[in-house]
């Protein structure tokens, strides 16, 4: 009688054909999101210098004029790449997971969270691209006050939309620990980051924290699903 290997069975024989490519769209989305959100975050020089001195600084419209439009443009383009990759990953998830695990509500929550974040990120990164445009090629189209409005939109604009992925992470954890269709190690990572991020937002009141942690979760999840053992990525190996 043949037995089905458990998704977390370390004694299961290695299979070099087990690699699955479609979860790598999550890796691309997360990596591009970290660049578009964190690495290219636009902050006035006066604010950065005050932070380095351990002081506070109230940003005023005059500070915004000195922002680097090139950094803003890179962030905008990286953000667009993250949005498109999220859409493709959501579509691949629906094709490869939802169509097989039709009774799993959690599987649907994962894709809904991805799509919700992708839609909101179009605005978040779009505002950054608009600010870069008005600081660069169309400089002078708006005064300091107008640029300041765009700056305030970009302050958390690329951070808040990643909140949708908290729901995706928690749903993945449910699939791991309740439905047993995902590696419990990956489910534990998803639960820690999902609950930790949500808890940090509630306690601190800072709505932009998901933009720092959830792209990282997406990278980890994509890599794990591509090379690890989970029924959702390799259903034929586990009898699904």
C-alpha atoms as a PDB file:
ATOM      1  CA  UNK A   1       0.000   0.000   0.000  1.00  0.00           C
ATOM      2  CA  UNK A   2       1.422   3.390  -0.953  1.00  0.00           C
ATOM      3  CA  UNK A   3       1.316   6.235   1.515  1.00  0.00           C
ATOM      4  CA  UNK A   4       1.039   9.938   0.867  1.00  0.00           C
ATOM      5  CA  UNK A   5       4.028  11.913   2.246  1.00  0.00           C
ATOM      6  CA  UNK A   6       3.131  14.626   4.713  1.00  0.00           C
ATOM      7  CA  UNK A   7       3.814  18.190   3.653  1.00  0.00           C
ATOM      8  CA  UNK A   8       6.327  18.584   6.482  1.00  0.00           C
ATOM      9  CA  UNK A   9       7.919  15.125   6.340  1.00  0.00           C
ATOM     10  CA  UNK A  10      11.716  15.706   6.415  1.00  0.00           C
ATOM     11  CA  UNK A  11      12.323  12.052   5.573  1.00  0.00           C
ATOM     12  CA  UNK A  12      10.456  12.269   2.279  1.00  0.00           C
ATOM     13  CA  UNK A  13      12.790  11.616  -0.664  1.00  0.00           C
ATOM     14  CA  UNK A  14      14.031  14.633  -2.554  1.00  0.00           C
ATOM     15  CA  UNK A  15      12.584  15.113  -6.014  1.00  0.00           C
ATOM     16  CA  UNK A  16      14.548  17.410  -8.344  1.00  0.00           C
ATOM     17  CA  UNK A  17      11.410  17.848 -10.463  1.00  0.00           C
ATOM     18  CA  UNK A  18       9.542  19.334  -7.531  1.00  0.00           C
ATOM     19  CA  UNK A  19      10.414  22.916  -8.477  1.00  0.00           C
ATOM     20  CA  UNK A  20       7.357  24.943  -9.468  1.00  0.00           C
ATOM     21  CA  UNK A  21       7.773  28.241 -11.290  1.00  0.00           C
ATOM     22  CA  UNK A  22       4.467  30.055 -10.829  1.00  0.00           C
ATOM     23  CA  UNK A  23       5.028  31.041  -7.134  1.00  0.00           C
ATOM     24  CA  UNK A  24       8.073  33.063  -8.237  1.00  0.00           C
ATOM     25  CA  UNK A  25       5.662  35.798  -9.291  1.00  0.00           C
ATOM     26  CA  UNK A  26       5.201  36.358  -5.549  1.00  0.00           C
ATOM     27  CA  UNK A  27       8.969  36.723  -5.139  1.00  0.00           C
ATOM     28  CA  UNK A  28       9.079  39.317  -7.914  1.00  0.00           C
ATOM     29  CA  UNK A  29       6.107  41.200  -6.457  1.00  0.00           C
ATOM     30  CA  UNK A  30       7.594  41.265  -2.956  1.00  0.00           C
ATOM     31  CA  UNK A  31      11.090  42.264  -4.077  1.00  0.00           C
ATOM     32  CA  UNK A  32       9.792  45.003  -6.366  1.00  0.00           C
ATOM     33  CA  UNK A  33       7.475  46.139  -3.592  1.00  0.00           C
ATOM     34  CA  UNK A  34      10.360  46.510  -1.145  1.00  0.00           C
ATOM     35  CA  UNK A  35      12.190  48.660  -3.692  1.00  0.00           C
ATOM     36  CA  UNK A  36       9.144  50.701  -4.645  1.00  0.00           C
ATOM     37  CA  UNK A  37       7.985  51.207  -1.062  1.00  0.00           C
ATOM     38  CA  UNK A  38      10.951  51.212   1.303  1.00  0.00           C
ATOM     39  CA  UNK A  39      14.187  51.600  -0.676  1.00  0.00           C
ATOM     40  CA  UNK A  40      12.925  54.588  -2.677  1.00  0.00           C
ATOM     41  CA  UNK A  41      10.935  56.271   0.088  1.00  0.00           C
ATOM     42  CA  UNK A  42      11.026  60.028  -0.495  1.00  0.00           C
ATOM     43  CA  UNK A  43      12.004  62.080   2.562  1.00  0.00           C
ATOM     44  CA  UNK A  44      13.174  65.733   2.659  1.00  0.00           C
ATOM     45  CA  UNK A  45      16.842  66.275   3.545  1.00  0.00           C
ATOM     46  CA  UNK A  46      15.874  68.413   6.534  1.00  0.00           C
ATOM     47  CA  UNK A  47      13.806  65.575   7.990  1.00  0.00           C
ATOM     48  CA  UNK A  48      16.550  62.990   7.414  1.00  0.00           C
ATOM     49  CA  UNK A  49      19.167  65.224   9.033  1.00  0.00           C
ATOM     50  CA  UNK A  50      16.911  65.848  12.034  1.00  0.00           C
ATOM     51  CA  UNK A  51      16.337  62.112  12.462  1.00  0.00           C
ATOM     52  CA  UNK A  52      20.088  61.479  12.331  1.00  0.00           C
ATOM     53  CA  UNK A  53      20.536  64.032  15.123  1.00  0.00           C
ATOM     54  CA  UNK A  54      17.790  62.389  17.147  1.00  0.00           C
ATOM     55  CA  UNK A  55      15.510  65.393  16.732  1.00  0.00           C
ATOM     56  CA  UNK A  56      12.002  65.862  15.366  1.00  0.00           C
ATOM     57  CA  UNK A  57      11.238  67.926  12.290  1.00  0.00           C
ATOM     58  CA  UNK A  58       7.918  69.264  11.016  1.00  0.00           C
ATOM     59  CA  UNK A  59       7.941  69.022   7.226  1.00  0.00           C
ATOM     60  CA  UNK A  60       6.796  72.202   5.485  1.00  0.00           C
ATOM     61  CA  UNK A  61       6.013  72.834   1.806  1.00  0.00           C
ATOM     62  CA  UNK A  62       9.431  74.393   1.212  1.00  0.00           C
ATOM     63  CA  UNK A  63      11.111  71.093   2.143  1.00  0.00           C
ATOM     64  CA  UNK A  64       9.374  69.193  -0.648  1.00  0.00           C
ATOM     65  CA  UNK A  65      10.982  71.161  -3.475  1.00  0.00           C
ATOM     66  CA  UNK A  66      14.344  69.528  -2.795  1.00  0.00           C
ATOM     67  CA  UNK A  67      13.132  65.935  -3.180  1.00  0.00           C
ATOM     68  CA  UNK A  68      14.947  63.837  -5.793  1.00  0.00           C
ATOM     69  CA  UNK A  69      12.633  63.154  -8.760  1.00  0.00           C
ATOM     70  CA  UNK A  70      14.885  60.311  -9.996  1.00  0.00           C
ATOM     71  CA  UNK A  71      14.316  58.327  -6.801  1.00  0.00           C
ATOM     72  CA  UNK A  72      10.608  58.959  -7.099  1.00  0.00           C
ATOM     73  CA  UNK A  73      10.579  57.711 -10.687  1.00  0.00           C
ATOM     74  CA  UNK A  74      12.477  54.533  -9.767  1.00  0.00           C
ATOM     75  CA  UNK A  75      10.026  53.918  -6.932  1.00  0.00           C
ATOM     76  CA  UNK A  76       7.091  54.447  -9.269  1.00  0.00           C
ATOM     77  CA  UNK A  77       8.426  52.000 -11.887  1.00  0.00           C
ATOM     78  CA  UNK A  78       9.354  49.376  -9.284  1.00  0.00           C
ATOM     79  CA  UNK A  79       5.886  49.799  -7.805  1.00  0.00           C
ATOM     80  CA  UNK A  80       4.226  49.211 -11.158  1.00  0.00           C
ATOM     81  CA  UNK A  81       6.259  46.032 -11.543  1.00  0.00           C
ATOM     82  CA  UNK A  82       5.092  44.919  -8.085  1.00  0.00           C
ATOM     83  CA  UNK A  83       1.459  45.584  -9.017  1.00  0.00           C
ATOM     84  CA  UNK A  84       1.649  43.632 -12.266  1.00  0.00           C
ATOM     85  CA  UNK A  85       3.450  40.734 -10.560  1.00  0.00           C
ATOM     86  CA  UNK A  86       0.805  40.666  -7.811  1.00  0.00           C
ATOM     87  CA  UNK A  87      -1.909  40.428 -10.446  1.00  0.00           C
ATOM     88  CA  UNK A  88      -0.176  37.557 -12.226  1.00  0.00           C
ATOM     89  CA  UNK A  89       0.465  35.739  -8.942  1.00  0.00           C
ATOM     90  CA  UNK A  90      -3.187  36.156  -7.976  1.00  0.00           C
ATOM     91  CA  UNK A  91      -4.259  34.749 -11.339  1.00  0.00           C
ATOM     92  CA  UNK A  92      -1.813  31.834 -11.035  1.00  0.00           C
ATOM     93  CA  UNK A  93      -3.031  31.142  -7.496  1.00  0.00           C
ATOM     94  CA  UNK A  94      -6.618  30.993  -8.683  1.00  0.00           C
ATOM     95  CA  UNK A  95      -5.682  28.658 -11.531  1.00  0.00           C
ATOM     96  CA  UNK A  96      -3.415  26.285  -9.610  1.00  0.00           C
ATOM     97  CA  UNK A  97      -4.947  26.382  -6.117  1.00  0.00           C
ATOM     98  CA  UNK A  98      -8.563  27.514  -6.093  1.00  0.00           C
ATOM     99  CA  UNK A  99      -9.550  25.221  -8.953  1.00  0.00           C
ATOM    100  CA  UNK A 100      -8.247  22.174  -7.039  1.00  0.00           C
ATOM    101  CA  UNK A 101      -9.096  23.115  -3.457  1.00  0.00           C
ATOM    102  CA  UNK A 102     -12.622  24.272  -4.214  1.00  0.00           C
ATOM    103  CA  UNK A 103     -13.937  23.800  -0.657  1.00  0.00           C
ATOM    104  CA  UNK A 104     -11.297  26.072   0.888  1.00  0.00           C
ATOM    105  CA  UNK A 105     -12.603  29.520   1.781  1.00  0.00           C
ATOM    106  CA  UNK A 106      -9.103  30.444   2.940  1.00  0.00           C
ATOM    107  CA  UNK A 107      -7.720  29.841  -0.554  1.00  0.00           C
ATOM    108  CA  UNK A 108     -10.121  32.451  -1.876  1.00  0.00           C
ATOM    109  CA  UNK A 109      -9.189  34.906   0.859  1.00  0.00           C
ATOM    110  CA  UNK A 110      -5.550  34.656  -0.230  1.00  0.00           C
ATOM    111  CA  UNK A 111      -6.328  35.803  -3.761  1.00  0.00           C
ATOM    112  CA  UNK A 112      -8.790  38.475  -2.587  1.00  0.00           C
ATOM    113  CA  UNK A 113      -6.102  39.982  -0.367  1.00  0.00           C
ATOM    114  CA  UNK A 114      -3.645  40.016  -3.262  1.00  0.00           C
ATOM    115  CA  UNK A 115      -6.101  41.709  -5.599  1.00  0.00           C
ATOM    116  CA  UNK A 116      -7.172  44.250  -2.969  1.00  0.00           C
ATOM    117  CA  UNK A 117      -3.562  45.272  -2.376  1.00  0.00           C
ATOM    118  CA  UNK A 118      -2.763  45.423  -6.087  1.00  0.00           C
ATOM    119  CA  UNK A 119      -5.693  47.737  -6.767  1.00  0.00           C
ATOM    120  CA  UNK A 120      -4.843  50.118  -3.943  1.00  0.00           C
ATOM    121  CA  UNK A 121      -1.136  50.105  -4.814  1.00  0.00           C
ATOM    122  CA  UNK A 122      -1.926  51.492  -8.269  1.00  0.00           C
ATOM    123  CA  UNK A 123      -2.933  54.705  -6.516  1.00  0.00           C
ATOM    124  CA  UNK A 124      -0.101  54.645  -3.988  1.00  0.00           C
ATOM    125  CA  UNK A 125       2.624  54.274  -6.574  1.00  0.00           C
ATOM    126  CA  UNK A 126       0.781  56.506  -9.024  1.00  0.00           C
ATOM    127  CA  UNK A 127       0.941  59.413  -6.576  1.00  0.00           C
ATOM    128  CA  UNK A 128       4.671  58.854  -6.208  1.00  0.00           C
ATOM    129  CA  UNK A 129       5.077  58.882  -9.966  1.00  0.00           C
ATOM    130  CA  UNK A 130       3.032  62.071 -10.206  1.00  0.00           C
ATOM    131  CA  UNK A 131       5.179  63.770  -7.543  1.00  0.00           C
ATOM    132  CA  UNK A 132       8.354  62.731  -9.382  1.00  0.00           C
ATOM    133  CA  UNK A 133       6.898  64.123 -12.586  1.00  0.00           C
ATOM    134  CA  UNK A 134       6.057  67.487 -11.031  1.00  0.00           C
ATOM    135  CA  UNK A 135       9.483  67.678  -9.423  1.00  0.00           C
ATOM    136  CA  UNK A 136      11.230  66.814 -12.708  1.00  0.00           C
ATOM    137  CA  UNK A 137       9.945  67.142 -16.291  1.00  0.00           C
ATOM    138  CA  UNK A 138       6.960  69.290 -15.323  1.00  0.00           C
ATOM    139  CA  UNK A 139       8.652  71.288 -12.571  1.00  0.00           C
ATOM    140  CA  UNK A 140       6.830  74.576 -12.024  1.00  0.00           C
ATOM    141  CA  UNK A 141       3.381  73.212 -12.824  1.00  0.00           C
ATOM    142  CA  UNK A 142       2.535  73.393  -9.113  1.00  0.00           C
ATOM    143  CA  UNK A 143       3.798  75.595  -6.314  1.00  0.00           C
ATOM    144  CA  UNK A 144       5.191  74.382  -3.008  1.00  0.00           C
ATOM    145  CA  UNK A 145       1.728  73.888  -1.540  1.00  0.00           C
ATOM    146  CA  UNK A 146       0.594  71.750  -4.479  1.00  0.00           C
ATOM    147  CA  UNK A 147       3.718  69.592  -4.292  1.00  0.00           C
ATOM    148  CA  UNK A 148       3.178  69.259  -0.553  1.00  0.00           C
ATOM    149  CA  UNK A 149      -0.264  67.742  -1.189  1.00  0.00           C
ATOM    150  CA  UNK A 150       1.298  65.088  -3.411  1.00  0.00           C
ATOM    151  CA  UNK A 151       4.017  64.500  -0.831  1.00  0.00           C
ATOM    152  CA  UNK A 152       1.421  63.855   1.876  1.00  0.00           C
ATOM    153  CA  UNK A 153      -0.345  61.378  -0.424  1.00  0.00           C
ATOM    154  CA  UNK A 154       2.928  59.506  -0.942  1.00  0.00           C
ATOM    155  CA  UNK A 155       3.851  59.590   2.766  1.00  0.00           C
ATOM    156  CA  UNK A 156       1.953  56.348   3.429  1.00  0.00           C
ATOM    157  CA  UNK A 157       0.483  55.899  -0.048  1.00  0.00           C
ATOM    158  CA  UNK A 158       2.745  52.972  -0.978  1.00  0.00           C
ATOM    159  CA  UNK A 159       2.662  51.460   2.518  1.00  0.00           C
ATOM    160  CA  UNK A 160      -0.998  51.215   3.531  1.00  0.00           C
ATOM    161  CA  UNK A 161      -2.214  49.174   0.500  1.00  0.00           C
ATOM    162  CA  UNK A 162      -0.096  46.182   1.556  1.00  0.00           C
ATOM    163  CA  UNK A 163      -2.630  45.659   4.369  1.00  0.00           C
ATOM    164  CA  UNK A 164      -4.576  43.311   2.090  1.00  0.00           C
ATOM    165  CA  UNK A 165      -1.720  40.832   2.332  1.00  0.00           C
ATOM    166  CA  UNK A 166      -2.265  40.493   6.083  1.00  0.00           C
ATOM    167  CA  UNK A 167      -5.524  38.733   5.227  1.00  0.00           C
ATOM    168  CA  UNK A 168      -3.674  36.610   2.669  1.00  0.00           C
ATOM    169  CA  UNK A 169      -1.012  35.628   5.207  1.00  0.00           C
ATOM    170  CA  UNK A 170      -3.556  34.680   7.861  1.00  0.00           C
ATOM    171  CA  UNK A 171      -5.532  32.668   5.311  1.00  0.00           C
ATOM    172  CA  UNK A 172      -2.361  30.818   4.306  1.00  0.00           C
ATOM    173  CA  UNK A 173      -1.710  30.044   7.969  1.00  0.00           C
ATOM    174  CA  UNK A 174      -5.243  28.617   8.217  1.00  0.00           C
ATOM    175  CA  UNK A 175      -4.594  26.442   5.167  1.00  0.00           C
ATOM    176  CA  UNK A 176      -1.454  25.141   6.870  1.00  0.00           C
ATOM    177  CA  UNK A 177      -2.695  24.429  10.391  1.00  0.00           C
ATOM    178  CA  UNK A 178      -6.376  23.627   9.830  1.00  0.00           C
ATOM    179  CA  UNK A 179      -6.683  22.355   6.285  1.00  0.00           C
ATOM    180  CA  UNK A 180      -3.148  20.873   6.144  1.00  0.00           C
ATOM    181  CA  UNK A 181      -2.662  21.875   2.504  1.00  0.00           C
ATOM    182  CA  UNK A 182       0.393  24.062   3.149  1.00  0.00           C
ATOM    183  CA  UNK A 183       3.636  23.348   4.962  1.00  0.00           C
ATOM    184  CA  UNK A 184       3.143  24.104   8.645  1.00  0.00           C
ATOM    185  CA  UNK A 185       6.540  25.784   8.746  1.00  0.00           C
ATOM    186  CA  UNK A 186       5.427  28.226   6.067  1.00  0.00           C
ATOM    187  CA  UNK A 187       2.075  28.556   7.842  1.00  0.00           C
ATOM    188  CA  UNK A 188       3.840  29.460  11.059  1.00  0.00           C
ATOM    189  CA  UNK A 189       5.875  32.165   9.319  1.00  0.00           C
ATOM    190  CA  UNK A 190       2.674  33.504   7.763  1.00  0.00           C
ATOM    191  CA  UNK A 191       0.904  33.519  11.135  1.00  0.00           C
ATOM    192  CA  UNK A 192       3.782  35.282  12.905  1.00  0.00           C
ATOM    193  CA  UNK A 193       4.111  37.992  10.271  1.00  0.00           C
ATOM    194  CA  UNK A 194       0.364  38.374   9.761  1.00  0.00           C
ATOM    195  CA  UNK A 195      -0.574  38.556  13.441  1.00  0.00           C
ATOM    196  CA  UNK A 196       2.577  40.502  14.308  1.00  0.00           C
ATOM    197  CA  UNK A 197       1.965  43.131  11.649  1.00  0.00           C
ATOM    198  CA  UNK A 198      -1.712  43.493  12.496  1.00  0.00           C
ATOM    199  CA  UNK A 199      -0.915  43.718  16.191  1.00  0.00           C
ATOM    200  CA  UNK A 200       1.779  46.328  15.602  1.00  0.00           C
ATOM    201  CA  UNK A 201      -0.672  48.439  13.581  1.00  0.00           C
ATOM    202  CA  UNK A 202      -3.303  48.223  16.324  1.00  0.00           C
ATOM    203  CA  UNK A 203      -0.883  48.998  19.146  1.00  0.00           C
ATOM    204  CA  UNK A 204       1.139  51.723  17.431  1.00  0.00           C
ATOM    205  CA  UNK A 205      -1.610  53.227  15.300  1.00  0.00           C
ATOM    206  CA  UNK A 206       0.822  53.399  12.344  1.00  0.00           C
ATOM    207  CA  UNK A 207      -1.127  52.248   9.253  1.00  0.00           C
ATOM    208  CA  UNK A 208       1.923  51.949   7.019  1.00  0.00           C
ATOM    209  CA  UNK A 209       3.659  49.060   8.786  1.00  0.00           C
ATOM    210  CA  UNK A 210       2.277  46.412   6.356  1.00  0.00           C
ATOM    211  CA  UNK A 211       4.334  48.030   3.588  1.00  0.00           C
ATOM    212  CA  UNK A 212       7.523  47.070   5.406  1.00  0.00           C
ATOM    213  CA  UNK A 213       6.735  43.498   6.478  1.00  0.00           C
ATOM    214  CA  UNK A 214       4.241  42.043   4.011  1.00  0.00           C
ATOM    215  CA  UNK A 215       6.418  42.323   0.860  1.00  0.00           C
ATOM    216  CA  UNK A 216       9.032  40.340   2.800  1.00  0.00           C
ATOM    217  CA  UNK A 217       6.381  37.719   3.618  1.00  0.00           C
ATOM    218  CA  UNK A 218       5.512  37.533  -0.059  1.00  0.00           C
ATOM    219  CA  UNK A 219       9.140  36.820  -1.004  1.00  0.00           C
ATOM    220  CA  UNK A 220       9.442  34.062   1.613  1.00  0.00           C
ATOM    221  CA  UNK A 221       6.139  32.513   0.553  1.00  0.00           C
ATOM    222  CA  UNK A 222       7.007  32.517  -3.135  1.00  0.00           C
ATOM    223  CA  UNK A 223      10.388  30.878  -2.595  1.00  0.00           C
ATOM    224  CA  UNK A 224       8.943  28.267  -0.226  1.00  0.00           C
ATOM    225  CA  UNK A 225       6.086  27.303  -2.534  1.00  0.00           C
ATOM    226  CA  UNK A 226       8.464  27.075  -5.493  1.00  0.00           C
ATOM    227  CA  UNK A 227      10.934  24.657  -3.895  1.00  0.00           C
ATOM    228  CA  UNK A 228       9.287  23.294  -0.728  1.00  0.00           C
ATOM    229  CA  UNK A 229       6.657  20.675   0.030  1.00  0.00           C
ATOM    230  CA  UNK A 230       3.070  21.887  -0.013  1.00  0.00           C
ATOM    231  CA  UNK A 231      -0.009  20.241  -1.505  1.00  0.00           C
ATOM    232  CA  UNK A 232      -1.123  23.488  -3.130  1.00  0.00           C
ATOM    233  CA  UNK A 233       2.082  23.752  -5.155  1.00  0.00           C
ATOM    234  CA  UNK A 234       2.550  20.035  -5.869  1.00  0.00           C
ATOM    235  CA  UNK A 235      -0.907  18.441  -5.619  1.00  0.00           C
ATOM    236  CA  UNK A 236       0.028  15.344  -7.640  1.00  0.00           C
ATOM    237  CA  UNK A 237       2.671  14.390  -5.049  1.00  0.00           C
ATOM    238  CA  UNK A 238       0.191  14.464  -2.180  1.00  0.00           C
ATOM    239  CA  UNK A 239      -2.844  12.877  -3.729  1.00  0.00           C
ATOM    240  CA  UNK A 240      -4.827  16.081  -4.380  1.00  0.00           C
END
